[in-house]
Amino acid sequence: MRRRIWTGVGVALLIAAPVALAVFGGAEVRTSADSEAPPKPLVGIVAAALVGLLLVRLVPLRLPAMPVVGTADRPALGRQAAGLVVIALLLPAGILVVDPGIWYGPVKLALFFGGAALVLRRWPIDWRGGRAHRRAIPTRWYWLGPLPALLGWAYLLYYSPLAGSQDMSGYRQYDRIYLLAATLLTFVTASLAEEIFYRVLLQTRLEALYGRWPAIVVTSLLFAAMHVHRIGDGPLWEMVAVMLAWNGGFGVLAGYLWARHRNVWAILALHTAVNSLTLLPLLVG
């Protein structure tokens, strides 16, 4: 019962954020820390996330919820999950105290890869529930299943009438080699590091301990909190609401996609698209 209450509180926060922005904040929100990036219409953000979730839900031959882990494996798996949660909280807590500046990426990699490795080695367990769960879906649907959600989400967010301005002319001041290097660095420090840590390591363990939706909601809130470095000028409530609506909503979609298909390439593609898809014409043009 307590688990359902806390999951409901998390869902309420994720829903209340875009509602508050729509009522008090305006029709557009800034989703990037880059001053060159245009704001996005709130309706497009919400519509893309909801349609993506719906398509994940409707595509057939998806995985059932992961079975809850047995009592023998629960203590060690619980310690691993707790250690990963502590790491997830350390990054935003540290940013609030000290601005890491150019060291943000290396610090994140050290925590998400090095710190996670230390946690898993400190409390080792021969648990293969995640891999066994993955094998329950046919190979063809492992690859084809995520495509409708990826394509529907990308269309609504970037190409539909709801997408708003896609003017990326502010980035034309940068050399193409610089943009390519920045894109590759973002892939490693954001797409790869964050999806491996939050979805593959943390969410999978929380699913085995507490069930699918508690794991998705908790992981999404922690994922949103990681973006505290984007808080700048403006009302604090608005900055928090943007993190919950944009980053938290994205986390729910990525988490549900991971839970339904266990396809790491799909969530990497999703994360890479959200960071770099709009820059593609500048990189190849």
C-alpha atoms as a PDB file:
ATOM      1  CA  MET A   1       0.000   0.000   0.000  1.00  0.00           C
ATOM      2  CA  ARG A   2       2.795   2.403   0.916  1.00  0.00           C
ATOM      3  CA  ARG A   3       4.513   1.649  -2.394  1.00  0.00           C
ATOM      4  CA  ARG A   4       1.365   2.619  -4.302  1.00  0.00           C
ATOM      5  CA  ILE A   5       1.028   5.847  -2.350  1.00  0.00           C
ATOM      6  CA  TRP A   6       4.595   6.949  -3.103  1.00  0.00           C
ATOM      7  CA  THR A   7       4.228   5.937  -6.751  1.00  0.00           C
ATOM      8  CA  GLY A   8       1.029   7.982  -6.918  1.00  0.00           C
ATOM      9  CA  VAL A   9       2.797  10.992  -5.397  1.00  0.00           C
ATOM     10  CA  GLY A  10       5.519  10.720  -8.033  1.00  0.00           C
ATOM     11  CA  VAL A  11       2.997  10.442 -10.862  1.00  0.00           C
ATOM     12  CA  ALA A  12       1.110  13.444  -9.458  1.00  0.00           C
ATOM     13  CA  LEU A  13       4.299  15.540  -9.528  1.00  0.00           C
ATOM     14  CA  LEU A  14       5.003  14.548 -13.122  1.00  0.00           C
ATOM     15  CA  ILE A  15       1.450  15.466 -14.154  1.00  0.00           C
ATOM     16  CA  ALA A  16       1.261  18.658 -12.102  1.00  0.00           C
ATOM     17  CA  ALA A  17       4.441  20.095 -13.643  1.00  0.00           C
ATOM     18  CA  PRO A  18       3.159  20.595 -17.228  1.00  0.00           C
ATOM     19  CA  VAL A  19      -0.233  21.690 -15.911  1.00  0.00           C
ATOM     20  CA  ALA A  20       1.400  24.395 -13.762  1.00  0.00           C
ATOM     21  CA  LEU A  21       3.552  25.507 -16.677  1.00  0.00           C
ATOM     22  CA  ALA A  22       0.517  25.712 -18.957  1.00  0.00           C
ATOM     23  CA  VAL A  23      -1.473  27.772 -16.425  1.00  0.00           C
ATOM     24  CA  PHE A  24       1.250  30.038 -15.025  1.00  0.00           C
ATOM     25  CA  GLY A  25       4.349  29.715 -17.187  1.00  0.00           C
ATOM     26  CA  GLY A  26       3.348  30.210 -20.816  1.00  0.00           C
ATOM     27  CA  ALA A  27       3.039  28.220 -24.020  1.00  0.00           C
ATOM     28  CA  GLU A  28       6.777  27.575 -24.541  1.00  0.00           C
ATOM     29  CA  VAL A  29       9.568  26.316 -22.303  1.00  0.00           C
ATOM     30  CA  ARG A  30      13.340  26.284 -22.637  1.00  0.00           C
ATOM     31  CA  THR A  31      14.510  22.681 -22.587  1.00  0.00           C
ATOM     32  CA  SER A  32      18.195  23.201 -23.348  1.00  0.00           C
ATOM     33  CA  ALA A  33      20.967  24.916 -21.454  1.00  0.00           C
ATOM     34  CA  ASP A  34      22.304  26.172 -24.811  1.00  0.00           C
ATOM     35  CA  SER A  35      21.292  29.773 -25.455  1.00  0.00           C
ATOM     36  CA  GLU A  36      21.280  29.018 -29.202  1.00  0.00           C
ATOM     37  CA  ALA A  37      18.500  26.424 -28.906  1.00  0.00           C
ATOM     38  CA  PRO A  38      14.941  27.695 -29.448  1.00  0.00           C
ATOM     39  CA  PRO A  39      12.228  27.033 -26.829  1.00  0.00           C
ATOM     40  CA  LYS A  40       9.754  24.218 -27.404  1.00  0.00           C
ATOM     41  CA  PRO A  41       5.952  24.417 -27.271  1.00  0.00           C
ATOM     42  CA  LEU A  42       4.688  22.751 -24.112  1.00  0.00           C
ATOM     43  CA  VAL A  43       1.815  21.103 -25.987  1.00  0.00           C
ATOM     44  CA  GLY A  44       4.288  19.410 -28.329  1.00  0.00           C
ATOM     45  CA  ILE A  45       6.362  18.080 -25.429  1.00  0.00           C
ATOM     46  CA  VAL A  46       3.322  16.631 -23.670  1.00  0.00           C
ATOM     47  CA  ALA A  47       1.735  15.240 -26.845  1.00  0.00           C
ATOM     48  CA  ALA A  48       4.961  13.555 -27.959  1.00  0.00           C
ATOM     49  CA  ALA A  49       5.450  11.881 -24.573  1.00  0.00           C
ATOM     50  CA  LEU A  50       1.842  10.695 -24.311  1.00  0.00           C
ATOM     51  CA  VAL A  51       1.728   9.325 -27.870  1.00  0.00           C
ATOM     52  CA  GLY A  52       5.083   7.629 -27.336  1.00  0.00           C
ATOM     53  CA  LEU A  53       3.804   5.947 -24.167  1.00  0.00           C
ATOM     54  CA  LEU A  54       0.590   4.897 -25.909  1.00  0.00           C
ATOM     55  CA  LEU A  55       2.485   3.346 -28.815  1.00  0.00           C
ATOM     56  CA  VAL A  56       4.760   1.441 -26.440  1.00  0.00           C
ATOM     57  CA  ARG A  57       1.625   0.134 -24.725  1.00  0.00           C
ATOM     58  CA  LEU A  58      -0.226  -0.854 -27.908  1.00  0.00           C
ATOM     59  CA  VAL A  59       2.531  -2.611 -29.850  1.00  0.00           C
ATOM     60  CA  PRO A  60       2.058  -6.369 -29.469  1.00  0.00           C
ATOM     61  CA  LEU A  61       4.620  -8.933 -28.316  1.00  0.00           C
ATOM     62  CA  ARG A  62       6.105  -6.829 -25.566  1.00  0.00           C
ATOM     63  CA  LEU A  63       7.535  -8.116 -22.317  1.00  0.00           C
ATOM     64  CA  PRO A  64       5.347  -8.702 -19.265  1.00  0.00           C
ATOM     65  CA  ALA A  65       6.365  -7.126 -15.989  1.00  0.00           C
ATOM     66  CA  MET A  66       9.551  -8.545 -14.511  1.00  0.00           C
ATOM     67  CA  PRO A  67       8.924 -11.067 -11.715  1.00  0.00           C
ATOM     68  CA  VAL A  68       9.767  -9.740  -8.269  1.00  0.00           C
ATOM     69  CA  VAL A  69      13.054 -11.162  -7.025  1.00  0.00           C
ATOM     70  CA  GLY A  70      13.011 -13.977  -4.451  1.00  0.00           C
ATOM     71  CA  THR A  71      13.929 -13.606  -0.808  1.00  0.00           C
ATOM     72  CA  ALA A  72      17.390 -15.157  -1.281  1.00  0.00           C
ATOM     73  CA  ASP A  73      18.567 -12.477  -3.716  1.00  0.00           C
ATOM     74  CA  ARG A  74      16.612  -9.564  -2.275  1.00  0.00           C
ATOM     75  CA  PRO A  75      19.105  -8.309   0.381  1.00  0.00           C
ATOM     76  CA  ALA A  76      22.110  -8.007  -1.947  1.00  0.00           C
ATOM     77  CA  LEU A  77      20.015  -6.635  -4.804  1.00  0.00           C
ATOM     78  CA  GLY A  78      18.456  -4.116  -2.414  1.00  0.00           C
ATOM     79  CA  ARG A  79      21.904  -2.934  -1.315  1.00  0.00           C
ATOM     80  CA  GLN A  80      22.962  -2.529  -4.942  1.00  0.00           C
ATOM     81  CA  ALA A  81      19.834  -0.512  -5.716  1.00  0.00           C
ATOM     82  CA  ALA A  82      20.317   1.659  -2.613  1.00  0.00           C
ATOM     83  CA  GLY A  83      23.929   2.340  -3.557  1.00  0.00           C
ATOM     84  CA  LEU A  84      22.912   3.341  -7.084  1.00  0.00           C
ATOM     85  CA  VAL A  85      20.222   5.662  -5.695  1.00  0.00           C
ATOM     86  CA  VAL A  86      22.852   7.340  -3.506  1.00  0.00           C
ATOM     87  CA  ILE A  87      25.025   7.893  -6.585  1.00  0.00           C
ATOM     88  CA  ALA A  88      22.025   9.312  -8.444  1.00  0.00           C
ATOM     89  CA  LEU A  89      21.501  11.803  -5.610  1.00  0.00           C
ATOM     90  CA  LEU A  90      25.178  12.707  -5.246  1.00  0.00           C
ATOM     91  CA  LEU A  91      25.438  14.380  -8.644  1.00  0.00           C
ATOM     92  CA  PRO A  92      22.609  16.949  -8.251  1.00  0.00           C
ATOM     93  CA  ALA A  93      23.500  17.506  -4.585  1.00  0.00           C
ATOM     94  CA  GLY A  94      27.100  18.242  -5.527  1.00  0.00           C
ATOM     95  CA  ILE A  95      26.051  20.603  -8.318  1.00  0.00           C
ATOM     96  CA  LEU A  96      23.914  22.612  -5.891  1.00  0.00           C
ATOM     97  CA  VAL A  97      26.970  23.062  -3.658  1.00  0.00           C
ATOM     98  CA  VAL A  98      29.757  23.500  -6.234  1.00  0.00           C
ATOM     99  CA  ASP A  99      29.395  24.357  -9.908  1.00  0.00           C
ATOM    100  CA  PRO A 100      31.582  21.734 -11.662  1.00  0.00           C
ATOM    101  CA  GLY A 101      31.854  23.780 -14.861  1.00  0.00           C
ATOM    102  CA  ILE A 102      33.807  21.906 -17.551  1.00  0.00           C
ATOM    103  CA  TRP A 103      34.290  19.004 -15.123  1.00  0.00           C
ATOM    104  CA  TYR A 104      30.592  18.141 -15.190  1.00  0.00           C
ATOM    105  CA  GLY A 105      31.008  15.460 -17.862  1.00  0.00           C
ATOM    106  CA  PRO A 106      34.035  13.711 -16.299  1.00  0.00           C
ATOM    107  CA  VAL A 107      32.446  13.806 -12.846  1.00  0.00           C
ATOM    108  CA  LYS A 108      29.255  12.270 -14.229  1.00  0.00           C
ATOM    109  CA  LEU A 109      31.213   9.495 -15.986  1.00  0.00           C
ATOM    110  CA  ALA A 110      33.207   8.793 -12.828  1.00  0.00           C
ATOM    111  CA  LEU A 111      30.030   8.462 -10.754  1.00  0.00           C
ATOM    112  CA  PHE A 112      27.852   6.604 -13.259  1.00  0.00           C
ATOM    113  CA  PHE A 113      30.504   4.128 -14.399  1.00  0.00           C
ATOM    114  CA  GLY A 114      33.159   4.074 -11.686  1.00  0.00           C
ATOM    115  CA  GLY A 115      30.797   4.554  -8.755  1.00  0.00           C
ATOM    116  CA  ALA A 116      28.289   2.041 -10.102  1.00  0.00           C
ATOM    117  CA  ALA A 117      31.062  -0.527 -10.640  1.00  0.00           C
ATOM    118  CA  LEU A 118      32.188  -0.099  -7.029  1.00  0.00           C
ATOM    119  CA  VAL A 119      28.624  -0.600  -5.764  1.00  0.00           C
ATOM    120  CA  LEU A 120      28.120  -3.759  -7.801  1.00  0.00           C
ATOM    121  CA  ARG A 121      31.475  -5.167  -6.667  1.00  0.00           C
ATOM    122  CA  ARG A 122      30.830  -4.231  -3.032  1.00  0.00           C
ATOM    123  CA  TRP A 123      27.600  -6.252  -2.955  1.00  0.00           C
ATOM    124  CA  PRO A 124      28.064  -8.930  -5.637  1.00  0.00           C
ATOM    125  CA  ILE A 125      25.200 -11.189  -6.605  1.00  0.00           C
ATOM    126  CA  ASP A 126      24.788 -13.869  -9.247  1.00  0.00           C
ATOM    127  CA  TRP A 127      21.489 -12.404 -10.442  1.00  0.00           C
ATOM    128  CA  ARG A 128      20.543 -12.888 -14.081  1.00  0.00           C
ATOM    129  CA  GLY A 129      16.895 -11.957 -13.895  1.00  0.00           C
ATOM    130  CA  GLY A 130      17.292  -9.062 -16.309  1.00  0.00           C
ATOM    131  CA  ARG A 131      18.839 -11.218 -19.027  1.00  0.00           C
ATOM    132  CA  ALA A 132      16.330 -14.006 -18.524  1.00  0.00           C
ATOM    133  CA  HIS A 133      13.488 -11.504 -18.762  1.00  0.00           C
ATOM    134  CA  ARG A 134      14.896 -10.092 -22.011  1.00  0.00           C
ATOM    135  CA  ARG A 135      14.870 -13.537 -23.664  1.00  0.00           C
ATOM    136  CA  ALA A 136      11.087 -13.755 -23.242  1.00  0.00           C
ATOM    137  CA  ILE A 137      10.541 -11.517 -26.299  1.00  0.00           C
ATOM    138  CA  PRO A 138      11.127 -12.805 -29.873  1.00  0.00           C
ATOM    139  CA  THR A 139      14.170 -11.355 -31.593  1.00  0.00           C
ATOM    140  CA  ARG A 140      12.131  -9.769 -34.400  1.00  0.00           C
ATOM    141  CA  TRP A 141       9.961  -7.853 -31.949  1.00  0.00           C
ATOM    142  CA  TYR A 142      12.983  -6.931 -29.871  1.00  0.00           C
ATOM    143  CA  TRP A 143      14.038  -4.792 -32.852  1.00  0.00           C
ATOM    144  CA  LEU A 144      10.690  -3.857 -34.406  1.00  0.00           C
ATOM    145  CA  GLY A 145       8.651  -3.271 -31.258  1.00  0.00           C
ATOM    146  CA  PRO A 146      10.216   0.077 -30.185  1.00  0.00           C
ATOM    147  CA  LEU A 147      10.056   1.633 -33.684  1.00  0.00           C
ATOM    148  CA  PRO A 148       6.458   2.986 -33.626  1.00  0.00           C
ATOM    149  CA  ALA A 149       7.033   4.783 -30.324  1.00  0.00           C
ATOM    150  CA  LEU A 150      10.389   6.201 -31.464  1.00  0.00           C
ATOM    151  CA  LEU A 151       9.019   7.441 -34.783  1.00  0.00           C
ATOM    152  CA  GLY A 152       5.756   8.812 -33.365  1.00  0.00           C
ATOM    153  CA  TRP A 153       7.530  10.626 -30.545  1.00  0.00           C
ATOM    154  CA  ALA A 154      10.176  12.113 -32.878  1.00  0.00           C
ATOM    155  CA  TYR A 155       7.594  13.251 -35.432  1.00  0.00           C
ATOM    156  CA  LEU A 156       5.431  15.059 -32.885  1.00  0.00           C
ATOM    157  CA  LEU A 157       8.346  16.639 -31.043  1.00  0.00           C
ATOM    158  CA  TYR A 158      10.411  17.769 -34.033  1.00  0.00           C
ATOM    159  CA  TYR A 159       8.456  17.672 -37.307  1.00  0.00           C
ATOM    160  CA  SER A 160       4.724  18.041 -36.645  1.00  0.00           C
ATOM    161  CA  PRO A 161       2.756  21.328 -36.469  1.00  0.00           C
ATOM    162  CA  LEU A 162       3.101  21.006 -32.678  1.00  0.00           C
ATOM    163  CA  ALA A 163       6.900  21.115 -32.848  1.00  0.00           C
ATOM    164  CA  GLY A 164       7.194  24.895 -33.089  1.00  0.00           C
ATOM    165  CA  SER A 165      10.295  26.646 -34.401  1.00  0.00           C
ATOM    166  CA  GLN A 166      13.237  24.465 -35.376  1.00  0.00           C
ATOM    167  CA  ASP A 167      15.492  27.437 -36.092  1.00  0.00           C
ATOM    168  CA  MET A 168      19.011  26.266 -35.270  1.00  0.00           C
ATOM    169  CA  SER A 169      20.750  29.187 -36.993  1.00  0.00           C
ATOM    170  CA  GLY A 170      22.363  30.174 -33.701  1.00  0.00           C
ATOM    171  CA  TYR A 171      24.597  27.110 -33.984  1.00  0.00           C
ATOM    172  CA  ARG A 172      25.931  28.146 -37.404  1.00  0.00           C
ATOM    173  CA  GLN A 173      28.590  30.249 -35.674  1.00  0.00           C
ATOM    174  CA  TYR A 174      30.316  26.988 -34.733  1.00  0.00           C
ATOM    175  CA  ASP A 175      32.522  24.963 -37.046  1.00  0.00           C
ATOM    176  CA  ARG A 176      31.083  21.632 -38.201  1.00  0.00           C
ATOM    177  CA  ILE A 177      34.011  19.744 -36.644  1.00  0.00           C
ATOM    178  CA  TYR A 178      33.304  21.458 -33.321  1.00  0.00           C
ATOM    179  CA  LEU A 179      29.619  20.521 -33.522  1.00  0.00           C
ATOM    180  CA  LEU A 180      30.483  16.926 -34.412  1.00  0.00           C
ATOM    181  CA  ALA A 181      32.905  16.663 -31.492  1.00  0.00           C
ATOM    182  CA  ALA A 182      30.320  18.156 -29.133  1.00  0.00           C
ATOM    183  CA  THR A 183      27.708  15.711 -30.428  1.00  0.00           C
ATOM    184  CA  LEU A 184      29.994  12.721 -29.851  1.00  0.00           C
ATOM    185  CA  LEU A 185      30.903  13.965 -26.379  1.00  0.00           C
ATOM    186  CA  THR A 186      27.222  14.423 -25.567  1.00  0.00           C
ATOM    187  CA  PHE A 187      26.515  10.896 -26.761  1.00  0.00           C
ATOM    188  CA  VAL A 188      29.088   9.444 -24.354  1.00  0.00           C
ATOM    189  CA  THR A 189      28.346  11.619 -21.319  1.00  0.00           C
ATOM    190  CA  ALA A 190      24.552  11.811 -21.751  1.00  0.00           C
ATOM    191  CA  SER A 191      23.002   9.173 -24.009  1.00  0.00           C
ATOM    192  CA  LEU A 192      25.339   6.307 -23.115  1.00  0.00           C
ATOM    193  CA  ALA A 193      26.204   7.075 -19.495  1.00  0.00           C
ATOM    194  CA  GLU A 194      22.720   8.116 -18.404  1.00  0.00           C
ATOM    195  CA  GLU A 195      20.805   5.289 -20.101  1.00  0.00           C
ATOM    196  CA  ILE A 196      23.191   2.607 -18.850  1.00  0.00           C
ATOM    197  CA  PHE A 197      23.070   3.988 -15.318  1.00  0.00           C
ATOM    198  CA  TYR A 198      19.435   5.009 -14.929  1.00  0.00           C
ATOM    199  CA  ARG A 199      17.635   2.428 -17.031  1.00  0.00           C
ATOM    200  CA  VAL A 200      19.899  -0.629 -17.425  1.00  0.00           C
ATOM    201  CA  LEU A 201      21.399  -0.663 -13.932  1.00  0.00           C
ATOM    202  CA  LEU A 202      19.065   1.235 -11.603  1.00  0.00           C
ATOM    203  CA  GLN A 203      15.582   0.783 -13.064  1.00  0.00           C
ATOM    204  CA  THR A 204      16.070  -2.928 -13.759  1.00  0.00           C
ATOM    205  CA  ARG A 205      16.988  -3.557 -10.125  1.00  0.00           C
ATOM    206  CA  LEU A 206      14.136  -1.437  -8.810  1.00  0.00           C
ATOM    207  CA  GLU A 207      11.721  -3.349 -11.062  1.00  0.00           C
ATOM    208  CA  ALA A 208      12.928  -6.638  -9.607  1.00  0.00           C
ATOM    209  CA  LEU A 209      12.485  -5.286  -6.075  1.00  0.00           C
ATOM    210  CA  TYR A 210       9.315  -3.186  -6.261  1.00  0.00           C
ATOM    211  CA  GLY A 211       7.596  -3.685  -9.621  1.00  0.00           C
ATOM    212  CA  ARG A 212       7.505  -1.924 -12.976  1.00  0.00           C
ATOM    213  CA  TRP A 213       5.792   1.411 -12.337  1.00  0.00           C
ATOM    214  CA  PRO A 214       7.355   2.225  -8.964  1.00  0.00           C
ATOM    215  CA  ALA A 215      10.736   1.651 -10.625  1.00  0.00           C
ATOM    216  CA  ILE A 216       9.918   3.801 -13.668  1.00  0.00           C
ATOM    217  CA  VAL A 217       8.577   6.684 -11.564  1.00  0.00           C
ATOM    218  CA  VAL A 218      11.461   6.714  -9.070  1.00  0.00           C
ATOM    219  CA  THR A 219      14.071   6.470 -11.819  1.00  0.00           C
ATOM    220  CA  SER A 220      12.375   9.251 -13.806  1.00  0.00           C
ATOM    221  CA  LEU A 221      12.347  11.594 -10.806  1.00  0.00           C
ATOM    222  CA  LEU A 222      16.017  10.894 -10.107  1.00  0.00           C
ATOM    223  CA  PHE A 223      16.773  11.426 -13.792  1.00  0.00           C
ATOM    224  CA  ALA A 224      14.958  14.775 -13.702  1.00  0.00           C
ATOM    225  CA  ALA A 225      16.840  15.809 -10.538  1.00  0.00           C
ATOM    226  CA  MET A 226      20.146  15.201 -12.307  1.00  0.00           C
ATOM    227  CA  HIS A 227      19.361  18.175 -14.579  1.00  0.00           C
ATOM    228  CA  VAL A 228      19.434  20.622 -11.676  1.00  0.00           C
ATOM    229  CA  HIS A 229      22.448  22.282 -13.339  1.00  0.00           C
ATOM    230  CA  ARG A 230      20.004  23.826 -15.822  1.00  0.00           C
ATOM    231  CA  ILE A 231      18.406  25.957 -13.121  1.00  0.00           C
ATOM    232  CA  GLY A 232      19.184  29.564 -13.976  1.00  0.00           C
ATOM    233  CA  ASP A 233      17.436  32.878 -13.864  1.00  0.00           C
ATOM    234  CA  GLY A 234      13.723  32.835 -13.224  1.00  0.00           C
ATOM    235  CA  PRO A 235      11.307  31.538 -10.606  1.00  0.00           C
ATOM    236  CA  LEU A 236      12.537  28.386  -8.891  1.00  0.00           C
ATOM    237  CA  TRP A 237       9.151  26.664  -9.225  1.00  0.00           C
ATOM    238  CA  GLU A 238       9.254  27.180 -12.992  1.00  0.00           C
ATOM    239  CA  MET A 239      12.730  25.685 -13.326  1.00  0.00           C
ATOM    240  CA  VAL A 240      11.700  22.651 -11.269  1.00  0.00           C
ATOM    241  CA  ALA A 241       8.494  22.278 -13.267  1.00  0.00           C
ATOM    242  CA  VAL A 242      10.454  22.333 -16.538  1.00  0.00           C
ATOM    243  CA  MET A 243      12.762  19.601 -15.254  1.00  0.00           C
ATOM    244  CA  LEU A 244       9.807  17.449 -14.232  1.00  0.00           C
ATOM    245  CA  ALA A 245       7.813  18.061 -17.416  1.00  0.00           C
ATOM    246  CA  TRP A 246      10.684  17.756 -19.891  1.00  0.00           C
ATOM    247  CA  ASN A 247      13.314  15.522 -18.282  1.00  0.00           C
ATOM    248  CA  GLY A 248      10.899  13.620 -16.053  1.00  0.00           C
ATOM    249  CA  GLY A 249       8.458  13.034 -18.908  1.00  0.00           C
ATOM    250  CA  PHE A 250      11.301  11.838 -21.131  1.00  0.00           C
ATOM    251  CA  GLY A 251      12.440   9.534 -18.313  1.00  0.00           C
ATOM    252  CA  VAL A 252       8.999   7.954 -18.085  1.00  0.00           C
ATOM    253  CA  LEU A 253       8.955   7.289 -21.840  1.00  0.00           C
ATOM    254  CA  ALA A 254      12.499   5.879 -21.869  1.00  0.00           C
ATOM    255  CA  GLY A 255      11.754   3.826 -18.749  1.00  0.00           C
ATOM    256  CA  TYR A 256       8.554   2.349 -20.167  1.00  0.00           C
ATOM    257  CA  LEU A 257      10.283   1.575 -23.463  1.00  0.00           C
ATOM    258  CA  TRP A 258      13.057  -0.175 -21.538  1.00  0.00           C
ATOM    259  CA  ALA A 259      10.615  -2.098 -19.361  1.00  0.00           C
ATOM    260  CA  ARG A 260       8.564  -3.296 -22.351  1.00  0.00           C
ATOM    261  CA  HIS A 261      11.357  -4.275 -24.744  1.00  0.00           C
ATOM    262  CA  ARG A 262      14.695  -4.367 -22.862  1.00  0.00           C
ATOM    263  CA  ASN A 263      16.331  -2.985 -26.011  1.00  0.00           C
ATOM    264  CA  VAL A 264      19.272  -0.835 -24.994  1.00  0.00           C
ATOM    265  CA  TRP A 265      19.732   0.347 -28.587  1.00  0.00           C
ATOM    266  CA  ALA A 266      16.211   1.760 -28.589  1.00  0.00           C
ATOM    267  CA  ILE A 267      16.723   3.889 -25.481  1.00  0.00           C
ATOM    268  CA  LEU A 268      20.129   5.006 -26.753  1.00  0.00           C
ATOM    269  CA  ALA A 269      18.487   6.076 -30.024  1.00  0.00           C
ATOM    270  CA  LEU A 270      15.759   7.906 -28.093  1.00  0.00           C
ATOM    271  CA  HIS A 271      18.269   9.773 -25.940  1.00  0.00           C
ATOM    272  CA  THR A 272      20.573  10.564 -28.848  1.00  0.00           C
ATOM    273  CA  ALA A 273      17.627  11.948 -30.817  1.00  0.00           C
ATOM    274  CA  VAL A 274      16.542  14.257 -28.011  1.00  0.00           C
ATOM    275  CA  ASN A 275      20.066  15.650 -27.713  1.00  0.00           C
ATOM    276  CA  SER A 276      21.195  15.814 -31.326  1.00  0.00           C
ATOM    277  CA  LEU A 277      18.407  15.284 -33.871  1.00  0.00           C
ATOM    278  CA  THR A 278      17.879  18.995 -34.526  1.00  0.00           C
ATOM    279  CA  LEU A 279      21.610  19.448 -35.173  1.00  0.00           C
ATOM    280  CA  LEU A 280      21.671  16.767 -37.866  1.00  0.00           C
ATOM    281  CA  PRO A 281      21.091  19.184 -40.804  1.00  0.00           C
ATOM    282  CA  LEU A 282      24.047  21.289 -39.626  1.00  0.00           C
ATOM    283  CA  LEU A 283      26.286  18.227 -39.321  1.00  0.00           C
ATOM    284  CA  VAL A 284      25.534  16.732 -42.736  1.00  0.00           C
ATOM    285  CA  GLY A 285      24.524  19.833 -44.714  1.00  0.00           C
END
